[in-house]
C-alpha atoms as a PDB file:
ATOM      1  CA  MET A   1      -1.693  -2.491   0.167  1.00  0.00           C
ATOM      2  CA  HIS A   2       1.941  -3.540   0.207  1.00  0.00           C
ATOM      3  CA  VAL A   3       3.890  -5.925   2.410  1.00  0.00           C
ATOM      4  CA  LYS A   4       7.090  -4.954   4.182  1.00  0.00           C
ATOM      5  CA  PRO A   5       8.347  -7.082   7.098  1.00  0.00           C
ATOM      6  CA  ALA A   6       9.659  -5.544  10.304  1.00  0.00           C
ATOM      7  CA  PHE A   7      12.021  -7.172  12.789  1.00  0.00           C
ATOM      8  CA  PHE A   8      11.940  -7.480  16.568  1.00  0.00           C
ATOM      9  CA  GLU A   9      15.185  -8.899  17.952  1.00  0.00           C
ATOM     10  CA  ALA A  10      15.849 -10.668  14.624  1.00  0.00           C
ATOM     11  CA  GLN A  11      12.319 -12.149  14.652  1.00  0.00           C
ATOM     12  CA  GLU A  12      10.492 -11.281  11.451  1.00  0.00           C
ATOM     13  CA  ILE A  13       7.112  -9.654  12.019  1.00  0.00           C
ATOM     14  CA  ARG A  14       5.005  -9.724   8.893  1.00  0.00           C
ATOM     15  CA  ARG A  15       3.073  -6.534   8.249  1.00  0.00           C
ATOM     16  CA  ILE A  16       1.084  -4.900   5.490  1.00  0.00           C
ATOM     17  CA  TYR A  17       0.491  -1.218   4.829  1.00  0.00           C
ATOM     18  CA  ASP A  18      -3.002  -0.013   3.942  1.00  0.00           C
ATOM     19  CA  GLU A  19      -2.380   3.003   1.751  1.00  0.00           C
ATOM     20  CA  THR A  20      -6.021   4.092   1.957  1.00  0.00           C
ATOM     21  CA  THR A  21      -6.084   4.406   5.753  1.00  0.00           C
ATOM     22  CA  GLU A  22      -2.292   4.877   6.077  1.00  0.00           C
ATOM     23  CA  ILE A  23      -2.144   2.196   8.775  1.00  0.00           C
ATOM     24  CA  TRP A  24       0.219  -0.752   9.319  1.00  0.00           C
ATOM     25  CA  TRP A  25      -1.384  -4.127  10.092  1.00  0.00           C
ATOM     26  CA  PHE A  26       0.802  -6.723  11.834  1.00  0.00           C
ATOM     27  CA  SER A  27       0.533 -10.511  11.915  1.00  0.00           C
ATOM     28  CA  VAL A  28      -0.997 -11.458  15.267  1.00  0.00           C
ATOM     29  CA  ILE A  29       0.582 -14.913  15.239  1.00  0.00           C
ATOM     30  CA  ASP A  30       4.047 -13.416  14.689  1.00  0.00           C
ATOM     31  CA  ILE A  31       3.535 -11.216  17.761  1.00  0.00           C
ATOM     32  CA  ILE A  32       2.281 -14.240  19.712  1.00  0.00           C
ATOM     33  CA  GLN A  33       5.430 -16.148  18.719  1.00  0.00           C
ATOM     34  CA  VAL A  34       7.562 -13.380  20.195  1.00  0.00           C
ATOM     35  CA  LEU A  35       5.529 -13.166  23.394  1.00  0.00           C
ATOM     36  CA  THR A  36       5.432 -16.919  23.996  1.00  0.00           C
ATOM     37  CA  GLN A  37       9.024 -17.359  22.766  1.00  0.00           C
ATOM     38  CA  GLN A  38       7.709 -20.268  20.757  1.00  0.00           C
ATOM     39  CA  PRO A  39       9.803 -21.120  17.674  1.00  0.00           C
ATOM     40  CA  ASP A  40       7.165 -23.542  16.392  1.00  0.00           C
ATOM     41  CA  PHE A  41       4.724 -21.557  14.239  1.00  0.00           C
ATOM     42  CA  GLN A  42       1.954 -24.147  14.569  1.00  0.00           C
ATOM     43  CA  LEU A  43       2.124 -24.102  18.392  1.00  0.00           C
ATOM     44  CA  ALA A  44       1.986 -20.304  18.360  1.00  0.00           C
ATOM     45  CA  ARG A  45      -1.001 -20.530  16.040  1.00  0.00           C
ATOM     46  CA  ASN A  46      -2.759 -22.922  18.447  1.00  0.00           C
ATOM     47  CA  TYR A  47      -1.987 -20.601  21.370  1.00  0.00           C
ATOM     48  CA  TRP A  48      -3.619 -17.711  19.513  1.00  0.00           C
ATOM     49  CA  LYS A  49      -6.636 -19.865  18.640  1.00  0.00           C
ATOM     50  CA  VAL A  50      -7.250 -20.677  22.319  1.00  0.00           C
ATOM     51  CA  LEU A  51      -6.586 -17.097  23.428  1.00  0.00           C
ATOM     52  CA  LYS A  52      -8.850 -15.717  20.716  1.00  0.00           C
ATOM     53  CA  ASN A  53     -11.726 -17.917  21.862  1.00  0.00           C
ATOM     54  CA  ARG A  54     -11.244 -16.802  25.466  1.00  0.00           C
ATOM     55  CA  LEU A  55     -11.093 -13.136  24.552  1.00  0.00           C
ATOM     56  CA  HIS A  56     -14.170 -13.528  22.371  1.00  0.00           C
ATOM     57  CA  LYS A  57     -16.137 -15.052  25.262  1.00  0.00           C
ATOM     58  CA  GLU A  58     -15.008 -12.181  27.477  1.00  0.00           C
ATOM     59  CA  GLY A  59     -16.327  -9.718  24.936  1.00  0.00           C
ATOM     60  CA  SER A  60     -12.891  -8.231  24.267  1.00  0.00           C
ATOM     61  CA  GLU A  61     -12.659  -5.755  21.393  1.00  0.00           C
ATOM     62  CA  VAL A  62      -9.217  -7.143  20.546  1.00  0.00           C
ATOM     63  CA  VAL A  63     -10.724 -10.001  18.534  1.00  0.00           C
ATOM     64  CA  THR A  64     -13.309  -7.882  16.736  1.00  0.00           C
ATOM     65  CA  ASN A  65     -10.620  -5.371  15.790  1.00  0.00           C
ATOM     66  CA  CYS A  66      -8.541  -8.027  14.023  1.00  0.00           C
ATOM     67  CA  ASN A  67      -8.812  -8.407  10.248  1.00  0.00           C
ATOM     68  CA  ARG A  68      -8.105 -11.364   8.009  1.00  0.00           C
ATOM     69  CA  LEU A  69      -5.484 -10.156   5.539  1.00  0.00           C
ATOM     70  CA  LYS A  70      -3.225 -11.885   3.032  1.00  0.00           C
ATOM     71  CA  LEU A  71       0.407 -12.103   4.152  1.00  0.00           C
ATOM     72  CA  PRO A  72       3.258 -14.217   2.778  1.00  0.00           C
ATOM     73  CA  ALA A  73       3.426 -17.695   4.324  1.00  0.00           C
ATOM     74  CA  GLU A  74       6.494 -19.931   4.666  1.00  0.00           C
ATOM     75  CA  ASP A  75       5.775 -21.475   1.256  1.00  0.00           C
ATOM     76  CA  GLY A  76       5.892 -18.020  -0.332  1.00  0.00           C
ATOM     77  CA  LYS A  77       2.192 -17.904  -1.109  1.00  0.00           C
ATOM     78  CA  MET A  78      -0.112 -15.142   0.113  1.00  0.00           C
ATOM     79  CA  ARG A  79      -2.463 -16.599   2.716  1.00  0.00           C
ATOM     80  CA  LEU A  80      -5.148 -15.110   4.935  1.00  0.00           C
ATOM     81  CA  THR A  81      -4.056 -14.592   8.525  1.00  0.00           C
ATOM     82  CA  ASP A  82      -5.224 -12.547  11.501  1.00  0.00           C
ATOM     83  CA  ALA A  83      -3.739  -9.063  11.517  1.00  0.00           C
ATOM     84  CA  ALA A  84      -4.126  -6.103  13.856  1.00  0.00           C
ATOM     85  CA  THR A  85      -2.978  -2.512  14.193  1.00  0.00           C
ATOM     86  CA  ALA A  86      -0.283  -1.500  16.691  1.00  0.00           C
ATOM     87  CA  GLU A  87      -2.990  -0.003  18.903  1.00  0.00           C
ATOM     88  CA  THR A  88      -4.930  -3.280  19.059  1.00  0.00           C
ATOM     89  CA  LEU A  89      -1.768  -5.315  19.630  1.00  0.00           C
ATOM     90  CA  LEU A  90      -0.799  -3.140  22.597  1.00  0.00           C
ATOM     91  CA  ARG A  91      -4.032  -4.274  24.259  1.00  0.00           C
ATOM     92  CA  LEU A  92      -3.494  -7.891  23.196  1.00  0.00           C
ATOM     93  CA  VAL A  93      -0.049  -7.972  24.831  1.00  0.00           C
ATOM     94  CA  GLN A  94      -1.691  -7.416  28.214  1.00  0.00           C
ATOM     95  CA  SER A  95      -3.442 -10.799  27.849  1.00  0.00           C
ATOM     96  CA  VAL A  96      -0.238 -12.813  27.383  1.00  0.00           C
ATOM     97  CA  PRO A  97       2.044 -13.362  30.419  1.00  0.00           C
ATOM     98  CA  SER A  98       5.507 -12.934  28.976  1.00  0.00           C
ATOM     99  CA  PRO A  99       8.924 -11.480  29.813  1.00  0.00           C
ATOM    100  CA  LYS A 100       8.818 -10.072  26.278  1.00  0.00           C
ATOM    101  CA  ALA A 101       5.652  -8.075  26.991  1.00  0.00           C
ATOM    102  CA  GLU A 102       7.352  -4.784  27.833  1.00  0.00           C
ATOM    103  CA  PRO A 103       9.972  -4.938  25.046  1.00  0.00           C
ATOM    104  CA  ILE A 104       7.332  -5.713  22.418  1.00  0.00           C
ATOM    105  CA  LYS A 105       5.102  -2.918  23.762  1.00  0.00           C
ATOM    106  CA  LEU A 106       7.994  -0.485  23.456  1.00  0.00           C
ATOM    107  CA  TRP A 107       8.679  -1.752  19.948  1.00  0.00           C
ATOM    108  CA  LEU A 108       5.036  -1.310  18.912  1.00  0.00           C
ATOM    109  CA  ALA A 109       4.962   2.122  20.501  1.00  0.00           C
ATOM    110  CA  LYS A 110       8.084   3.038  18.522  1.00  0.00           C
ATOM    111  CA  VAL A 111       6.371   2.006  15.304  1.00  0.00           C
ATOM    112  CA  GLY A 112       3.463   4.277  16.190  1.00  0.00           C
ATOM    113  CA  TYR A 113       5.796   7.062  17.258  1.00  0.00           C
ATOM    114  CA  GLU A 114       7.608   7.008  13.937  1.00  0.00           C
ATOM    115  CA  ARG A 115       4.239   7.417  12.222  1.00  0.00           C
ATOM    116  CA  MET A 116       3.323  10.319  14.507  1.00  0.00           C
ATOM    117  CA  GLN A 117       6.699  11.922  13.734  1.00  0.00           C
ATOM    118  CA  GLU A 118       5.962  11.666  10.039  1.00  0.00           C
ATOM    119  CA  MET A 119       2.508  13.196  10.490  1.00  0.00           C
ATOM    120  CA  ALA A 120       4.039  16.135  12.384  1.00  0.00           C
ATOM    121  CA  ASP A 121       6.928  16.459   9.919  1.00  0.00           C
ATOM    122  CA  PRO A 122       6.093  14.916   6.501  1.00  0.00           C
ATOM    123  CA  GLY A 123       9.696  15.488   5.475  1.00  0.00           C
ATOM    124  CA  LEU A 124      10.740  12.540   7.656  1.00  0.00           C
ATOM    125  CA  SER A 125       8.454  10.246   5.681  1.00  0.00           C
ATOM    126  CA  LEU A 126       9.924  11.527   2.421  1.00  0.00           C
ATOM    127  CA  ASP A 127      13.471  11.049   3.722  1.00  0.00           C
ATOM    128  CA  ARG A 128      12.720   7.441   4.723  1.00  0.00           C
ATOM    129  CA  ALA A 129      11.098   6.751   1.369  1.00  0.00           C
ATOM    130  CA  ARG A 130      14.073   8.249  -0.478  1.00  0.00           C
ATOM    131  CA  GLU A 131      16.508   6.118   1.543  1.00  0.00           C
ATOM    132  CA  THR A 132      14.488   2.982   0.836  1.00  0.00           C
ATOM    133  CA  TRP A 133      14.380   3.638  -2.919  1.00  0.00           C
ATOM    134  CA  GLN A 134      18.092   4.385  -2.960  1.00  0.00           C
ATOM    135  CA  LYS A 135      18.814   1.086  -1.202  1.00  0.00           C
ATOM    136  CA  HIS A 136      16.739  -0.644  -3.869  1.00  0.00           C
ATOM    137  CA  GLY A 137      18.878   0.867  -6.593  1.00  0.00           C
ATOM    138  CA  ARG A 138      16.509   3.536  -7.947  1.00  0.00           C
ATOM    139  CA  SER A 139      18.156   6.448  -9.753  1.00  0.00           C
ATOM    140  CA  ASP A 140      17.932  10.001  -8.424  1.00  0.00           C
ATOM    141  CA  LYS A 141      15.901  10.921 -11.506  1.00  0.00           C
ATOM    142  CA  TRP A 142      13.376   8.139 -10.842  1.00  0.00           C
ATOM    143  CA  ILE A 143      13.113   9.079  -7.143  1.00  0.00           C
ATOM    144  CA  HIS A 144      12.467  12.718  -8.049  1.00  0.00           C
ATOM    145  CA  GLN A 145       9.695  11.718 -10.446  1.00  0.00           C
ATOM    146  CA  ARG A 146       8.178   9.303  -7.921  1.00  0.00           C
ATOM    147  CA  MET A 147       8.047  11.984  -5.233  1.00  0.00           C
ATOM    148  CA  THR A 148       6.707  14.633  -7.616  1.00  0.00           C
ATOM    149  CA  GLY A 149       3.983  12.227  -8.700  1.00  0.00           C
ATOM    150  CA  GLN A 150       3.061  11.543  -5.074  1.00  0.00           C
ATOM    151  CA  GLU A 151       2.649  15.268  -4.430  1.00  0.00           C
ATOM    152  CA  THR A 152       0.338  15.505  -7.448  1.00  0.00           C
ATOM    153  CA  ARG A 153      -1.602  12.495  -6.155  1.00  0.00           C
ATOM    154  CA  ASN A 154      -1.957  14.024  -2.686  1.00  0.00           C
ATOM    155  CA  LYS A 155      -3.384  17.259  -4.086  1.00  0.00           C
ATOM    156  CA  LEU A 156      -5.995  15.251  -6.012  1.00  0.00           C
ATOM    157  CA  THR A 157      -7.041  13.148  -3.022  1.00  0.00           C
ATOM    158  CA  ASP A 158      -7.216  16.295  -0.895  1.00  0.00           C
ATOM    159  CA  TYR A 159      -9.667  17.704  -3.432  1.00  0.00           C
ATOM    160  CA  TRP A 160     -11.706  14.511  -3.379  1.00  0.00           C
ATOM    161  CA  SER A 161     -11.870  14.508   0.413  1.00  0.00           C
ATOM    162  CA  GLU A 162     -13.212  18.051   0.377  1.00  0.00           C
ATOM    163  CA  HIS A 163     -15.842  17.311  -2.285  1.00  0.00           C
ATOM    164  CA  ASP A 164     -17.854  14.411  -0.892  1.00  0.00           C
ATOM    165  CA  ILE A 165     -15.611  11.513  -1.973  1.00  0.00           C
ATOM    166  CA  LYS A 166     -14.967   8.897   0.713  1.00  0.00           C
ATOM    167  CA  LYS A 167     -11.529   7.378   1.320  1.00  0.00           C
ATOM    168  CA  GLY A 168     -11.278   3.725   0.468  1.00  0.00           C
ATOM    169  CA  GLU A 169     -13.604   2.297  -2.149  1.00  0.00           C
ATOM    170  CA  GLU A 170     -14.581   5.603  -3.777  1.00  0.00           C
ATOM    171  CA  PHE A 171     -10.947   6.744  -4.016  1.00  0.00           C
ATOM    172  CA  ALA A 172     -10.117   3.378  -5.600  1.00  0.00           C
ATOM    173  CA  ILE A 173     -12.958   3.619  -8.129  1.00  0.00           C
ATOM    174  CA  LEU A 174     -11.902   7.076  -9.326  1.00  0.00           C
ATOM    175  CA  THR A 175      -8.214   6.085  -9.397  1.00  0.00           C
ATOM    176  CA  ASN A 176      -9.054   3.099 -11.564  1.00  0.00           C
ATOM    177  CA  ILE A 177     -11.104   5.219 -13.970  1.00  0.00           C
ATOM    178  CA  ILE A 178      -8.150   7.581 -14.436  1.00  0.00           C
ATOM    179  CA  HIS A 179      -5.698   4.687 -14.865  1.00  0.00           C
ATOM    180  CA  GLN A 180      -7.913   2.702 -17.227  1.00  0.00           C
ATOM    181  CA  GLU A 181      -8.436   5.779 -19.376  1.00  0.00           C
ATOM    182  CA  TRP A 182      -4.818   6.899 -19.734  1.00  0.00           C
ATOM    183  CA  ALA A 183      -3.100   3.488 -19.740  1.00  0.00           C
ATOM    184  CA  GLY A 184      -5.753   1.399 -21.489  1.00  0.00           C
ATOM    185  CA  VAL A 185      -5.544  -1.117 -18.660  1.00  0.00           C
ATOM    186  CA  SER A 186      -6.930  -1.235 -15.108  1.00  0.00           C
ATOM    187  CA  VAL A 187      -4.752  -0.855 -12.018  1.00  0.00           C
ATOM    188  CA  LYS A 188      -5.163  -4.580 -11.367  1.00  0.00           C
ATOM    189  CA  GLY A 189      -4.341  -5.439 -14.955  1.00  0.00           C
ATOM    190  CA  HIS A 190      -1.239  -3.249 -14.896  1.00  0.00           C
ATOM    191  CA  LYS A 191      -0.026  -4.964 -11.728  1.00  0.00           C
ATOM    192  CA  GLU A 192      -0.559  -8.353 -13.385  1.00  0.00           C
ATOM    193  CA  MET A 193       1.462  -7.192 -16.403  1.00  0.00           C
ATOM    194  CA  LYS A 194       4.351  -6.380 -14.085  1.00  0.00           C
ATOM    195  CA  GLY A 195       4.071  -9.621 -12.138  1.00  0.00           C
ATOM    196  CA  LEU A 196       3.115  -7.804  -8.927  1.00  0.00           C
ATOM    197  CA  GLN A 197       0.961  -9.106  -6.110  1.00  0.00           C
ATOM    198  CA  SER A 198       0.870  -7.051  -2.915  1.00  0.00           C
ATOM    199  CA  GLN A 199       3.477  -4.508  -4.070  1.00  0.00           C
ATOM    200  CA  ASN A 200       2.713  -0.850  -4.720  1.00  0.00           C
ATOM    201  CA  LEU A 201       2.248  -0.384  -8.473  1.00  0.00           C
ATOM    202  CA  ARG A 202       3.805   3.094  -8.510  1.00  0.00           C
ATOM    203  CA  ASP A 203       6.986   1.778  -6.894  1.00  0.00           C
ATOM    204  CA  HIS A 204       7.408  -0.416  -9.977  1.00  0.00           C
ATOM    205  CA  MET A 205       6.523   2.091 -12.677  1.00  0.00           C
ATOM    206  CA  SER A 206       8.998   3.321 -15.244  1.00  0.00           C
ATOM    207  CA  GLU A 207       9.825   7.019 -15.386  1.00  0.00           C
ATOM    208  CA  ALA A 208       7.405   7.418 -18.319  1.00  0.00           C
ATOM    209  CA  GLU A 209       4.586   5.616 -16.502  1.00  0.00           C
ATOM    210  CA  LEU A 210       5.066   7.869 -13.481  1.00  0.00           C
ATOM    211  CA  ILE A 211       4.969  10.982 -15.671  1.00  0.00           C
ATOM    212  CA  PHE A 212       1.784   9.980 -17.502  1.00  0.00           C
ATOM    213  CA  THR A 213       0.111   8.951 -14.244  1.00  0.00           C
ATOM    214  CA  ALA A 214       0.945  12.372 -12.814  1.00  0.00           C
ATOM    215  CA  LEU A 215      -0.321  14.121 -15.962  1.00  0.00           C
ATOM    216  CA  ALA A 216      -3.620  12.216 -15.754  1.00  0.00           C
ATOM    217  CA  GLU A 217      -4.086  13.049 -12.068  1.00  0.00           C
ATOM    218  CA  LEU A 218      -3.052  16.678 -12.489  1.00  0.00           C
ATOM    219  CA  SER A 219      -5.495  17.058 -15.391  1.00  0.00           C
ATOM    220  CA  THR A 220      -8.253  15.387 -13.387  1.00  0.00           C
ATOM    221  CA  ARG A 221      -7.802  17.762 -10.453  1.00  0.00           C
ATOM    222  CA  GLN A 222      -7.693  20.883 -12.581  1.00  0.00           C
ATOM    223  CA  ILE A 223     -10.808  19.844 -14.512  1.00  0.00           C
ATOM    224  CA  ALA A 224     -12.598  19.002 -11.250  1.00  0.00           C
ATOM    225  CA  GLU A 225     -11.607  22.366  -9.762  1.00  0.00           C
ATOM    226  CA  THR A 226     -12.779  24.234 -12.883  1.00  0.00           C
ATOM    227  CA  ASP A 227     -16.161  22.479 -12.819  1.00  0.00           C
ATOM    228  CA  ASP A 228     -16.385  22.389  -9.001  1.00  0.00           C
ATOM    229  CA  ALA A 229     -16.968  18.643  -9.294  1.00  0.00           C
ATOM    230  CA  THR A 230     -18.709  17.316  -6.175  1.00  0.00           C
ATOM    231  CA  GLY A 231     -19.739  13.741  -5.431  1.00  0.00           C
ATOM    232  CA  MET A 232     -19.038  10.584  -7.403  1.00  0.00           C
ATOM    233  CA  ASP A 233     -20.911  11.370 -10.620  1.00  0.00           C
ATOM    234  CA  ASP A 234     -19.150  14.702 -11.185  1.00  0.00           C
ATOM    235  CA  ASN A 235     -15.749  13.349 -10.241  1.00  0.00           C
ATOM    236  CA  LYS A 236     -16.124  10.240 -12.394  1.00  0.00           C
ATOM    237  CA  GLU A 237     -16.608  12.539 -15.373  1.00  0.00           C
ATOM    238  CA  ALA A 238     -13.568  14.623 -14.392  1.00  0.00           C
ATOM    239  CA  ALA A 239     -11.506  11.440 -13.914  1.00  0.00           C
ATOM    240  CA  LYS A 240     -12.397  10.189 -17.384  1.00  0.00           C
ATOM    241  CA  MET A 241     -11.551  13.530 -19.016  1.00  0.00           C
ATOM    242  CA  GLY A 242      -8.277  13.831 -17.091  1.00  0.00           C
ATOM    243  CA  GLY A 243      -7.282  10.318 -18.087  1.00  0.00           C
ATOM    244  CA  THR A 244      -8.180  11.030 -21.721  1.00  0.00           C
ATOM    245  CA  ILE A 245      -5.797  13.993 -21.862  1.00  0.00           C
ATOM    246  CA  ALA A 246      -2.918  11.756 -20.707  1.00  0.00           C
ATOM    247  CA  LYS A 247      -4.022   8.986 -23.088  1.00  0.00           C
ATOM    248  CA  GLU A 248      -3.825  11.302 -26.089  1.00  0.00           C
ATOM    249  CA  ALA A 249      -0.331  12.404 -25.035  1.00  0.00           C
ATOM    250  CA  ARG A 250       0.702   8.761 -24.544  1.00  0.00           C
ATOM    251  CA  LYS A 251      -0.513   7.758 -27.993  1.00  0.00           C
ATOM    252  CA  ALA A 252       1.307  10.692 -29.588  1.00  0.00           C
ATOM    253  CA  LEU A 253       4.576   9.685 -27.916  1.00  0.00           C
ATOM    254  CA  GLU A 254       4.125   6.000 -28.818  1.00  0.00           C
ATOM    255  CA  ALA A 255       3.431   6.936 -32.454  1.00  0.00           C
ATOM    256  CA  LYS A 256       6.640   8.961 -32.553  1.00  0.00           C
ATOM    257  CA  THR A 257       8.924   6.460 -30.778  1.00  0.00           C
ATOM    258  CA  GLY A 258       7.294   3.160 -31.689  1.00  0.00           C
ATOM    259  CA  ASN A 259       7.577   2.059 -28.058  1.00  0.00           C
ATOM    260  CA  SER A 260       4.773   1.313 -25.622  1.00  0.00           C
ATOM    261  CA  VAL A 261       4.671   3.559 -22.539  1.00  0.00           C
ATOM    262  CA  VAL A 262       2.776   0.989 -20.476  1.00  0.00           C
ATOM    263  CA  SER A 263       5.365  -1.610 -19.550  1.00  0.00           C
ATOM    264  CA  GLY A 264       5.600  -5.009 -17.922  1.00  0.00           C
ATOM    265  CA  ASP A 265       8.973  -4.120 -16.410  1.00  0.00           C
ATOM    266  CA  ASN A 266       9.337  -4.034 -12.614  1.00  0.00           C
ATOM    267  CA  PHE A 267      11.975  -3.649  -9.928  1.00  0.00           C
ATOM    268  CA  LEU A 268      11.370  -7.018  -8.278  1.00  0.00           C
ATOM    269  CA  PRO A 269      14.348  -9.225  -7.346  1.00  0.00           C
ATOM    270  CA  PRO A 270      14.918 -12.009  -9.909  1.00  0.00           C
ATOM    271  CA  GLY A 271      12.588 -14.958  -9.473  1.00  0.00           C
ATOM    272  CA  THR A 272      10.000 -13.195  -7.297  1.00  0.00           C
ATOM    273  CA  ALA A 273       7.526 -12.028  -9.956  1.00  0.00           C
ATOM    274  CA  VAL A 274       4.499 -14.016 -11.026  1.00  0.00           C
ATOM    275  CA  LYS A 275       4.051 -14.733 -14.709  1.00  0.00           C
ATOM    276  CA  LYS A 276       3.705 -11.483 -16.659  1.00  0.00           C
ATOM    277  CA  ILE A 277       0.850 -10.742 -19.003  1.00  0.00           C
ATOM    278  CA  GLY A 278       1.900  -8.917 -22.144  1.00  0.00           C
ATOM    279  CA  LYS A 279       0.196  -5.748 -23.384  1.00  0.00           C
ATOM    280  CA  LYS A 280      -0.460  -4.834 -26.952  1.00  0.00           C
ATOM    281  CA  LYS A 281      -0.272  -1.231 -27.971  1.00  0.00           C
END
């Protein structure tokens, strides 16, 4: 998951993107602040607490459809807070008398509409991603490699979906096997090396890291297709073999250049990274 705030009339709405389900989750309290026009966060939090209890007693699905997710707090730390999808929030808005009800509903609908546009025309999603990376100072070469790697990733996950692998935990397990094998470090460990928390690891990879990740995932898919790998056991084996192919290529390059492919470098603004953990070759 990665965090990217949105704004409604200059009011920051914290949100987090679940890459597994491809769904945005929004801070409920931030939406409540907009609806109640309450600048005091604590008062908005108390309002939501009372409303949540009432909705729960009424048997409303709004409460049960909320998740506790980690979002950045005012002190900069990641703290658990109630979050909901745009669909759930549209129902929640109906429970709060507010002159901001219709504008926030239109705003939430727009968020959903942009997602539907991207589903109908994936090129829009790619264009938005390219614009975002350009604004963050990524080179055209890096952007090309990032997008090529994503296409390779999508082909692999499509294969998994069609061969008895469930989105979510099983995707994550296989992804970690591939990453651990080629990089010599887990996805979590690699993020820690780069000082990342909620950010997307691939958005902070070097060009070389992106290339070796793509090689590992391409190899995994082609091995799985050759063996008609089905289910977790077969695909775990394919993931390990695919990762091994990329690992051997990585070691050959490192032996030639004397430089480690797996890097602690990131694209975070100065002062925002947690303490990095070094990696030995």
